[in-house]
């Protein structure tokens, strides 16, 4: 008897989770003023998929401290920043570091989505995607589009 009750509860929780998913437009409303260049909806989906593939082969750097350390060491890749991180002082120095080292970077609307695409339950505000032959096509496509985004003044 208890198993059927648990199944009903989990089915209800899944419906509630699907209903609470915010749209791209709603997520943009909570963005920081420094979140430029912002990835489009299509590019955001591509970046999430690329992060997911990179996380499978453990080829990502996650979090401000880790990303900052490896940018300073000269590691190459795409830097993906979450645009809804507060306070912005936590990571506002990273775009400058990326521009100094000619690393492509882009903001996406949600740190929760970024963390979940990396295979974590915790929200993540910065991820560095390193190149790898297993997902090279997706990486090159994202790299081309992120590099084409207009840089802020």
N, C-alpha and C. Protein backbone atom coordinates (compact mmCIF):
# COMPACT_ATOMS: atom_id res chain seq x y z
N UNK A 1 0.81 -1.20 0.00
CA UNK A 1 0.00 0.00 0.00
C UNK A 1 0.85 1.26 0.00
N UNK A 2 1.93 1.25 0.74
CA UNK A 2 2.74 2.47 0.80
C UNK A 2 3.43 2.75 -0.52
N UNK A 3 3.74 1.71 -1.29
CA UNK A 3 4.42 1.93 -2.57
C UNK A 3 3.53 2.71 -3.53
N UNK A 4 2.25 2.40 -3.58
CA UNK A 4 1.37 3.11 -4.49
C UNK A 4 1.23 4.57 -4.09
N UNK A 5 1.21 4.82 -2.80
CA UNK A 5 1.10 6.22 -2.35
C UNK A 5 2.34 7.00 -2.75
N UNK A 6 3.52 6.41 -2.60
CA UNK A 6 4.75 7.10 -2.97
C UNK A 6 4.80 7.37 -4.47
N UNK A 7 4.31 6.43 -5.27
CA UNK A 7 4.31 6.63 -6.71
C UNK A 7 3.39 7.78 -7.09
N UNK A 8 2.24 7.87 -6.43
CA UNK A 8 1.32 8.97 -6.73
C UNK A 8 1.94 10.31 -6.34
N UNK A 9 2.65 10.36 -5.23
CA UNK A 9 3.28 11.59 -4.78
C UNK A 9 4.38 12.00 -5.76
N UNK A 10 5.19 11.03 -6.21
CA UNK A 10 6.28 11.36 -7.13
C UNK A 10 5.74 11.84 -8.48
N UNK A 11 4.64 11.25 -8.94
CA UNK A 11 4.03 11.69 -10.19
C UNK A 11 3.51 13.12 -10.05
N UNK A 12 2.96 13.45 -8.92
CA UNK A 12 2.48 14.81 -8.67
C UNK A 12 3.63 15.80 -8.57
N UNK A 13 4.74 15.37 -8.00
CA UNK A 13 5.92 16.24 -7.88
C UNK A 13 6.52 16.52 -9.25
N UNK A 14 6.51 15.52 -10.13
CA UNK A 14 7.04 15.72 -11.48
C UNK A 14 6.21 16.75 -12.25
N UNK A 15 4.88 16.66 -12.11
CA UNK A 15 4.01 17.62 -12.78
C UNK A 15 4.24 19.02 -12.24
N UNK A 16 4.43 19.14 -10.94
CA UNK A 16 4.67 20.45 -10.33
C UNK A 16 6.01 21.01 -10.80
N UNK A 17 7.03 20.15 -10.92
CA UNK A 17 8.34 20.61 -11.37
C UNK A 17 8.28 21.07 -12.83
N UNK A 18 7.53 20.36 -13.66
CA UNK A 18 7.39 20.75 -15.06
C UNK A 18 6.62 22.06 -15.18
N UNK A 19 5.66 22.28 -14.33
CA UNK A 19 4.88 23.51 -14.36
C UNK A 19 5.65 24.72 -13.85
N UNK A 20 6.66 24.49 -12.98
CA UNK A 20 7.41 25.61 -12.41
C UNK A 20 8.58 26.03 -13.28
N UNK A 21 8.81 25.34 -14.40
CA UNK A 21 9.91 25.68 -15.29
C UNK A 21 9.61 27.03 -15.95
N UNK A 22 10.56 27.95 -15.84
CA UNK A 22 10.35 29.30 -16.36
C UNK A 22 10.75 29.38 -17.82
N UNK A 23 10.07 30.26 -18.55
CA UNK A 23 10.41 30.44 -19.95
C UNK A 23 11.63 31.35 -20.07
N UNK A 24 12.20 31.42 -21.26
CA UNK A 24 13.38 32.23 -21.53
C UNK A 24 13.12 33.69 -21.22
N UNK A 25 11.93 34.18 -21.60
CA UNK A 25 11.58 35.59 -21.40
C UNK A 25 11.49 35.91 -19.90
N UNK A 26 10.91 35.00 -19.12
CA UNK A 26 10.81 35.22 -17.67
C UNK A 26 12.19 35.22 -17.02
N UNK A 27 13.09 34.37 -17.50
CA UNK A 27 14.44 34.32 -16.95
C UNK A 27 15.23 35.58 -17.27
N UNK A 28 15.01 36.15 -18.45
CA UNK A 28 15.72 37.37 -18.85
C UNK A 28 15.32 38.55 -17.95
N UNK A 29 14.12 38.52 -17.41
CA UNK A 29 13.66 39.60 -16.54
C UNK A 29 14.50 39.71 -15.27
N UNK A 30 15.15 38.60 -14.85
CA UNK A 30 15.95 38.59 -13.63
C UNK A 30 17.45 38.74 -13.89
N UNK A 31 17.83 39.24 -15.05
CA UNK A 31 19.24 39.32 -15.43
C UNK A 31 19.94 40.50 -14.77
N UNK A 32 21.26 40.37 -14.61
CA UNK A 32 22.10 41.45 -14.10
C UNK A 32 22.32 42.50 -15.18
N UNK A 33 22.65 43.73 -14.77
CA UNK A 33 22.93 44.76 -15.77
C UNK A 33 24.23 44.52 -16.55
N UNK A 34 25.16 43.72 -16.00
CA UNK A 34 26.43 43.49 -16.70
C UNK A 34 26.39 42.28 -17.63
N UNK A 35 25.26 41.59 -17.73
CA UNK A 35 25.18 40.34 -18.48
C UNK A 35 25.15 40.59 -20.00
N UNK A 36 26.29 40.96 -20.54
CA UNK A 36 26.45 41.16 -21.97
C UNK A 36 27.76 40.52 -22.40
N UNK A 37 27.87 39.78 -23.43
CA UNK A 37 26.89 39.42 -24.45
C UNK A 37 25.99 38.27 -23.98
N UNK A 38 24.72 38.43 -24.19
CA UNK A 38 23.73 37.44 -23.78
C UNK A 38 23.47 36.46 -24.93
N UNK A 39 23.51 35.18 -24.61
CA UNK A 39 23.24 34.15 -25.60
C UNK A 39 21.74 34.12 -25.91
N UNK A 40 21.42 33.89 -27.16
CA UNK A 40 20.02 33.77 -27.55
C UNK A 40 19.45 32.47 -27.00
N UNK A 41 18.15 32.30 -27.17
CA UNK A 41 17.50 31.07 -26.69
C UNK A 41 18.12 29.84 -27.36
N UNK A 42 18.34 29.93 -28.66
CA UNK A 42 18.89 28.81 -29.42
C UNK A 42 20.33 28.51 -28.99
N UNK A 43 21.14 29.56 -28.83
CA UNK A 43 22.53 29.37 -28.41
C UNK A 43 22.60 28.87 -26.97
N UNK A 44 21.69 29.32 -26.13
CA UNK A 44 21.66 28.83 -24.74
C UNK A 44 21.43 27.33 -24.70
N UNK A 45 20.50 26.83 -25.53
CA UNK A 45 20.24 25.38 -25.58
C UNK A 45 21.47 24.63 -26.06
N UNK A 46 22.16 25.18 -27.07
CA UNK A 46 23.38 24.54 -27.57
C UNK A 46 24.46 24.51 -26.49
N UNK A 47 24.58 25.60 -25.75
CA UNK A 47 25.58 25.65 -24.67
C UNK A 47 25.26 24.65 -23.56
N UNK A 48 23.97 24.54 -23.20
CA UNK A 48 23.57 23.55 -22.18
C UNK A 48 23.92 22.14 -22.64
N UNK A 49 23.67 21.83 -23.92
CA UNK A 49 23.97 20.50 -24.45
C UNK A 49 25.48 20.25 -24.45
N UNK A 50 26.24 21.28 -24.80
CA UNK A 50 27.70 21.14 -24.83
C UNK A 50 28.24 20.94 -23.41
N UNK A 51 27.68 21.66 -22.45
CA UNK A 51 28.09 21.50 -21.04
C UNK A 51 27.76 20.08 -20.57
N UNK A 52 26.59 19.58 -20.96
CA UNK A 52 26.18 18.23 -20.56
C UNK A 52 27.13 17.18 -21.12
N UNK A 53 27.52 17.33 -22.40
CA UNK A 53 28.45 16.39 -23.02
C UNK A 53 29.83 16.48 -22.38
N UNK A 54 30.27 17.70 -22.07
CA UNK A 54 31.58 17.89 -21.45
C UNK A 54 31.60 17.34 -20.03
N UNK A 55 30.48 17.44 -19.33
CA UNK A 55 30.40 16.92 -17.96
C UNK A 55 30.47 15.40 -17.95
N UNK A 56 29.95 14.76 -19.00
CA UNK A 56 30.00 13.30 -19.08
C UNK A 56 31.44 12.79 -19.11
N UNK A 57 32.31 13.51 -19.85
CA UNK A 57 33.72 13.10 -19.93
C UNK A 57 34.60 13.87 -18.94
N UNK A 58 33.95 14.55 -17.99
CA UNK A 58 34.62 15.30 -16.93
C UNK A 58 35.63 16.29 -17.51
N UNK A 59 35.17 17.08 -18.45
CA UNK A 59 36.05 18.02 -19.13
C UNK A 59 35.58 19.47 -18.94
N UNK A 60 35.05 19.77 -17.75
CA UNK A 60 34.61 21.13 -17.45
C UNK A 60 35.27 21.60 -16.16
N UNK A 61 35.31 22.92 -16.01
CA UNK A 61 35.72 23.55 -14.75
C UNK A 61 34.50 24.29 -14.24
N UNK A 62 34.15 24.07 -12.98
CA UNK A 62 32.90 24.58 -12.43
C UNK A 62 33.19 25.47 -11.23
N UNK A 63 32.58 26.64 -11.20
CA UNK A 63 32.71 27.54 -10.06
C UNK A 63 33.72 28.65 -10.30
N UNK A 64 33.54 29.76 -9.59
CA UNK A 64 34.37 30.95 -9.81
C UNK A 64 35.84 30.68 -9.49
N UNK A 65 36.12 30.09 -8.34
CA UNK A 65 37.51 29.87 -7.94
C UNK A 65 38.25 28.97 -8.91
N UNK A 66 37.62 27.87 -9.29
CA UNK A 66 38.27 26.91 -10.18
C UNK A 66 38.47 27.49 -11.57
N UNK A 67 37.45 28.15 -12.11
CA UNK A 67 37.55 28.74 -13.45
C UNK A 67 38.63 29.82 -13.46
N UNK A 68 38.64 30.66 -12.44
CA UNK A 68 39.62 31.74 -12.35
C UNK A 68 41.04 31.18 -12.31
N UNK A 69 41.23 30.12 -11.53
CA UNK A 69 42.55 29.51 -11.39
C UNK A 69 43.05 28.98 -12.73
N UNK A 70 42.18 28.30 -13.47
CA UNK A 70 42.62 27.70 -14.73
C UNK A 70 42.69 28.71 -15.87
N UNK A 71 41.95 29.81 -15.80
CA UNK A 71 42.13 30.90 -16.77
C UNK A 71 43.52 31.51 -16.56
N UNK A 72 43.90 31.71 -15.30
CA UNK A 72 45.22 32.26 -15.00
C UNK A 72 46.34 31.33 -15.44
N UNK A 73 46.08 30.01 -15.40
CA UNK A 73 47.09 29.04 -15.83
C UNK A 73 47.17 28.94 -17.35
N UNK A 74 46.23 29.54 -18.05
CA UNK A 74 46.28 29.57 -19.51
C UNK A 74 45.45 28.51 -20.20
N UNK A 75 44.50 27.92 -19.51
CA UNK A 75 43.64 26.90 -20.12
C UNK A 75 42.68 27.55 -21.11
N UNK A 76 42.42 26.87 -22.23
CA UNK A 76 41.54 27.39 -23.28
C UNK A 76 40.17 26.73 -23.21
N UNK A 77 39.16 27.44 -23.69
CA UNK A 77 37.81 26.91 -23.73
C UNK A 77 36.78 28.02 -23.82
N UNK A 78 35.53 27.65 -23.69
CA UNK A 78 34.42 28.61 -23.70
C UNK A 78 33.98 28.84 -22.26
N UNK A 79 33.88 30.10 -21.86
CA UNK A 79 33.42 30.42 -20.51
C UNK A 79 31.93 30.77 -20.59
N UNK A 80 31.13 30.07 -19.80
CA UNK A 80 29.68 30.29 -19.75
C UNK A 80 29.35 30.84 -18.37
N UNK A 81 28.77 32.04 -18.34
CA UNK A 81 28.43 32.70 -17.08
C UNK A 81 26.92 32.79 -16.94
N UNK A 82 26.44 32.67 -15.72
CA UNK A 82 25.00 32.79 -15.46
C UNK A 82 24.68 34.26 -15.22
N UNK A 83 23.63 34.74 -15.87
CA UNK A 83 23.30 36.16 -15.79
C UNK A 83 22.46 36.55 -14.59
N UNK A 84 21.99 35.59 -13.81
CA UNK A 84 21.12 35.92 -12.67
C UNK A 84 21.84 35.78 -11.33
N UNK A 85 23.16 35.86 -11.32
CA UNK A 85 23.94 35.72 -10.09
C UNK A 85 23.97 37.05 -9.34
N UNK A 86 23.66 36.99 -8.07
CA UNK A 86 23.74 38.18 -7.21
C UNK A 86 24.55 37.83 -5.97
N UNK A 87 25.36 38.68 -5.43
CA UNK A 87 25.79 39.97 -5.97
C UNK A 87 26.73 39.80 -7.14
N UNK A 88 26.77 40.78 -8.04
CA UNK A 88 27.58 40.65 -9.25
C UNK A 88 29.07 40.76 -8.93
N UNK A 89 29.41 41.24 -7.74
CA UNK A 89 30.82 41.34 -7.35
C UNK A 89 31.49 39.97 -7.28
N UNK A 90 30.69 38.92 -7.16
CA UNK A 90 31.23 37.56 -7.06
C UNK A 90 32.03 37.21 -8.30
N UNK A 91 31.55 37.62 -9.48
CA UNK A 91 32.19 37.16 -10.71
C UNK A 91 32.37 38.24 -11.77
N UNK A 92 32.25 39.50 -11.39
CA UNK A 92 32.32 40.57 -12.39
C UNK A 92 33.73 40.76 -12.97
N UNK A 93 34.76 40.18 -12.36
CA UNK A 93 36.12 40.29 -12.88
C UNK A 93 36.42 39.27 -13.97
N UNK A 94 35.62 38.24 -14.10
CA UNK A 94 35.90 37.16 -15.05
C UNK A 94 35.80 37.58 -16.53
N UNK A 95 34.81 38.40 -16.95
CA UNK A 95 34.80 38.82 -18.35
C UNK A 95 36.06 39.58 -18.75
N UNK A 96 36.61 40.39 -17.85
CA UNK A 96 37.84 41.14 -18.14
C UNK A 96 39.00 40.16 -18.33
N UNK A 97 39.07 39.15 -17.46
CA UNK A 97 40.12 38.13 -17.59
C UNK A 97 39.99 37.38 -18.92
N UNK A 98 38.75 37.07 -19.30
CA UNK A 98 38.53 36.36 -20.57
C UNK A 98 38.96 37.22 -21.76
N UNK A 99 38.64 38.51 -21.74
CA UNK A 99 39.01 39.39 -22.84
C UNK A 99 40.52 39.54 -22.93
N UNK A 100 41.21 39.61 -21.79
CA UNK A 100 42.67 39.72 -21.78
C UNK A 100 43.33 38.50 -22.41
N UNK A 101 42.73 37.33 -22.24
CA UNK A 101 43.31 36.09 -22.73
C UNK A 101 42.63 35.58 -24.01
N UNK A 102 41.80 36.43 -24.62
CA UNK A 102 41.09 36.09 -25.86
C UNK A 102 40.26 34.82 -25.75
N UNK A 103 39.61 34.62 -24.60
CA UNK A 103 38.70 33.49 -24.42
C UNK A 103 37.29 33.94 -24.75
N UNK A 104 36.53 33.16 -25.52
CA UNK A 104 35.14 33.53 -25.79
C UNK A 104 34.29 33.27 -24.54
N UNK A 105 33.37 34.19 -24.28
CA UNK A 105 32.46 34.02 -23.14
C UNK A 105 31.08 34.52 -23.50
N UNK A 106 30.08 33.96 -22.81
CA UNK A 106 28.69 34.36 -23.04
C UNK A 106 27.91 34.18 -21.75
N UNK A 107 26.89 35.00 -21.59
CA UNK A 107 25.98 34.89 -20.44
C UNK A 107 24.75 34.12 -20.87
N UNK A 108 24.27 33.28 -19.96
CA UNK A 108 23.00 32.60 -20.15
C UNK A 108 22.08 33.02 -19.01
N UNK A 109 20.77 32.86 -19.16
CA UNK A 109 19.85 33.45 -18.18
C UNK A 109 19.80 32.81 -16.80
N UNK A 110 20.13 31.53 -16.64
CA UNK A 110 19.83 30.87 -15.36
C UNK A 110 21.00 30.06 -14.82
N UNK A 111 21.37 30.32 -13.56
CA UNK A 111 22.42 29.53 -12.91
C UNK A 111 21.91 28.15 -12.49
N UNK A 112 20.62 28.03 -12.24
CA UNK A 112 20.03 26.74 -11.88
C UNK A 112 20.12 25.79 -13.08
N UNK A 113 19.76 26.28 -14.27
CA UNK A 113 19.83 25.46 -15.48
C UNK A 113 21.28 25.11 -15.82
N UNK A 114 22.19 26.05 -15.59
CA UNK A 114 23.61 25.80 -15.86
C UNK A 114 24.15 24.70 -14.95
N UNK A 115 23.78 24.75 -13.67
CA UNK A 115 24.22 23.73 -12.73
C UNK A 115 23.63 22.37 -13.05
N UNK A 116 22.36 22.33 -13.41
CA UNK A 116 21.72 21.04 -13.71
C UNK A 116 22.26 20.43 -15.00
N UNK A 117 22.61 21.27 -15.98
CA UNK A 117 23.18 20.72 -17.22
C UNK A 117 24.58 20.17 -16.99
N UNK A 118 25.26 20.65 -15.94
CA UNK A 118 26.59 20.13 -15.60
C UNK A 118 26.50 18.88 -14.73
N UNK A 119 25.29 18.43 -14.45
CA UNK A 119 25.12 17.21 -13.67
C UNK A 119 25.19 17.43 -12.18
N UNK A 120 24.87 18.64 -11.73
CA UNK A 120 24.94 18.98 -10.32
C UNK A 120 23.57 19.41 -9.83
N UNK A 121 23.31 19.20 -8.56
CA UNK A 121 22.05 19.67 -7.98
C UNK A 121 22.16 21.13 -7.57
N UNK A 122 23.39 21.64 -7.42
CA UNK A 122 23.63 23.01 -7.00
C UNK A 122 23.66 23.96 -8.20
N UNK A 123 23.14 25.15 -8.05
CA UNK A 123 23.30 26.15 -9.11
C UNK A 123 24.78 26.51 -9.27
N UNK A 124 25.18 26.81 -10.49
CA UNK A 124 26.57 27.16 -10.79
C UNK A 124 26.58 28.46 -11.58
N UNK A 125 27.43 29.41 -11.18
CA UNK A 125 27.42 30.70 -11.88
C UNK A 125 28.45 30.78 -13.01
N UNK A 126 29.49 29.93 -13.01
CA UNK A 126 30.49 29.97 -14.08
C UNK A 126 30.93 28.55 -14.42
N UNK A 127 31.06 28.28 -15.71
CA UNK A 127 31.60 27.00 -16.18
C UNK A 127 32.55 27.28 -17.35
N UNK A 128 33.68 26.59 -17.35
CA UNK A 128 34.62 26.63 -18.46
C UNK A 128 34.55 25.29 -19.19
N UNK A 129 34.15 25.33 -20.46
CA UNK A 129 34.05 24.10 -21.27
C UNK A 129 35.37 23.94 -22.03
N UNK A 130 36.07 22.84 -21.78
CA UNK A 130 37.32 22.58 -22.47
C UNK A 130 37.05 21.75 -23.71
N UNK A 131 37.85 21.94 -24.78
CA UNK A 131 37.65 21.15 -26.00
C UNK A 131 38.02 19.68 -25.79
N UNK A 132 37.30 18.81 -26.49
CA UNK A 132 37.55 17.37 -26.41
C UNK A 132 37.03 16.73 -27.69
N UNK A 133 37.69 15.65 -28.16
CA UNK A 133 37.31 15.06 -29.44
C UNK A 133 35.95 14.39 -29.42
N UNK A 134 35.44 13.99 -28.26
CA UNK A 134 34.14 13.31 -28.21
C UNK A 134 32.96 14.21 -28.57
N UNK A 135 33.07 15.49 -28.26
CA UNK A 135 31.98 16.43 -28.57
C UNK A 135 32.51 17.61 -29.38
N UNK A 136 33.50 17.37 -30.24
CA UNK A 136 34.18 18.44 -30.97
C UNK A 136 33.23 19.22 -31.87
N UNK A 137 32.28 18.55 -32.52
CA UNK A 137 31.33 19.25 -33.40
C UNK A 137 30.49 20.26 -32.64
N UNK A 138 29.92 19.83 -31.53
CA UNK A 138 29.09 20.72 -30.71
C UNK A 138 29.93 21.86 -30.16
N UNK A 139 31.16 21.55 -29.73
CA UNK A 139 32.06 22.57 -29.17
C UNK A 139 32.40 23.62 -30.23
N UNK A 140 32.76 23.17 -31.44
CA UNK A 140 33.13 24.10 -32.51
C UNK A 140 31.97 25.00 -32.91
N UNK A 141 30.77 24.42 -32.93
CA UNK A 141 29.57 25.20 -33.27
C UNK A 141 29.31 26.28 -32.22
N UNK A 142 29.41 25.90 -30.94
CA UNK A 142 29.22 26.86 -29.85
C UNK A 142 30.32 27.92 -29.88
N UNK A 143 31.56 27.49 -30.12
CA UNK A 143 32.69 28.42 -30.16
C UNK A 143 32.51 29.47 -31.25
N UNK A 144 32.05 29.03 -32.41
CA UNK A 144 31.84 29.95 -33.53
C UNK A 144 30.75 30.98 -33.19
N UNK A 145 29.64 30.51 -32.62
CA UNK A 145 28.53 31.41 -32.31
C UNK A 145 28.86 32.36 -31.16
N UNK A 146 29.54 31.84 -30.12
CA UNK A 146 29.90 32.69 -28.97
C UNK A 146 30.92 33.74 -29.39
N UNK A 147 31.87 33.36 -30.24
CA UNK A 147 32.87 34.32 -30.73
C UNK A 147 32.23 35.41 -31.58
N UNK A 148 31.12 35.08 -32.24
CA UNK A 148 30.43 36.04 -33.09
C UNK A 148 29.55 37.02 -32.33
N UNK A 149 29.32 36.78 -31.04
CA UNK A 149 28.48 37.70 -30.26
C UNK A 149 29.20 39.04 -30.08
N UNK A 150 28.45 40.15 -30.12
CA UNK A 150 29.10 41.47 -29.96
C UNK A 150 29.58 41.67 -28.52
N UNK A 151 30.81 42.14 -28.39
CA UNK A 151 31.39 42.39 -27.06
C UNK A 151 30.85 43.72 -26.50
N UNK A 152 30.67 43.80 -25.16
CA UNK A 152 30.20 45.06 -24.58
C UNK A 152 31.30 46.11 -24.65
N UNK A 153 30.90 47.37 -24.62
CA UNK A 153 31.88 48.46 -24.68
C UNK A 153 32.63 48.63 -23.39
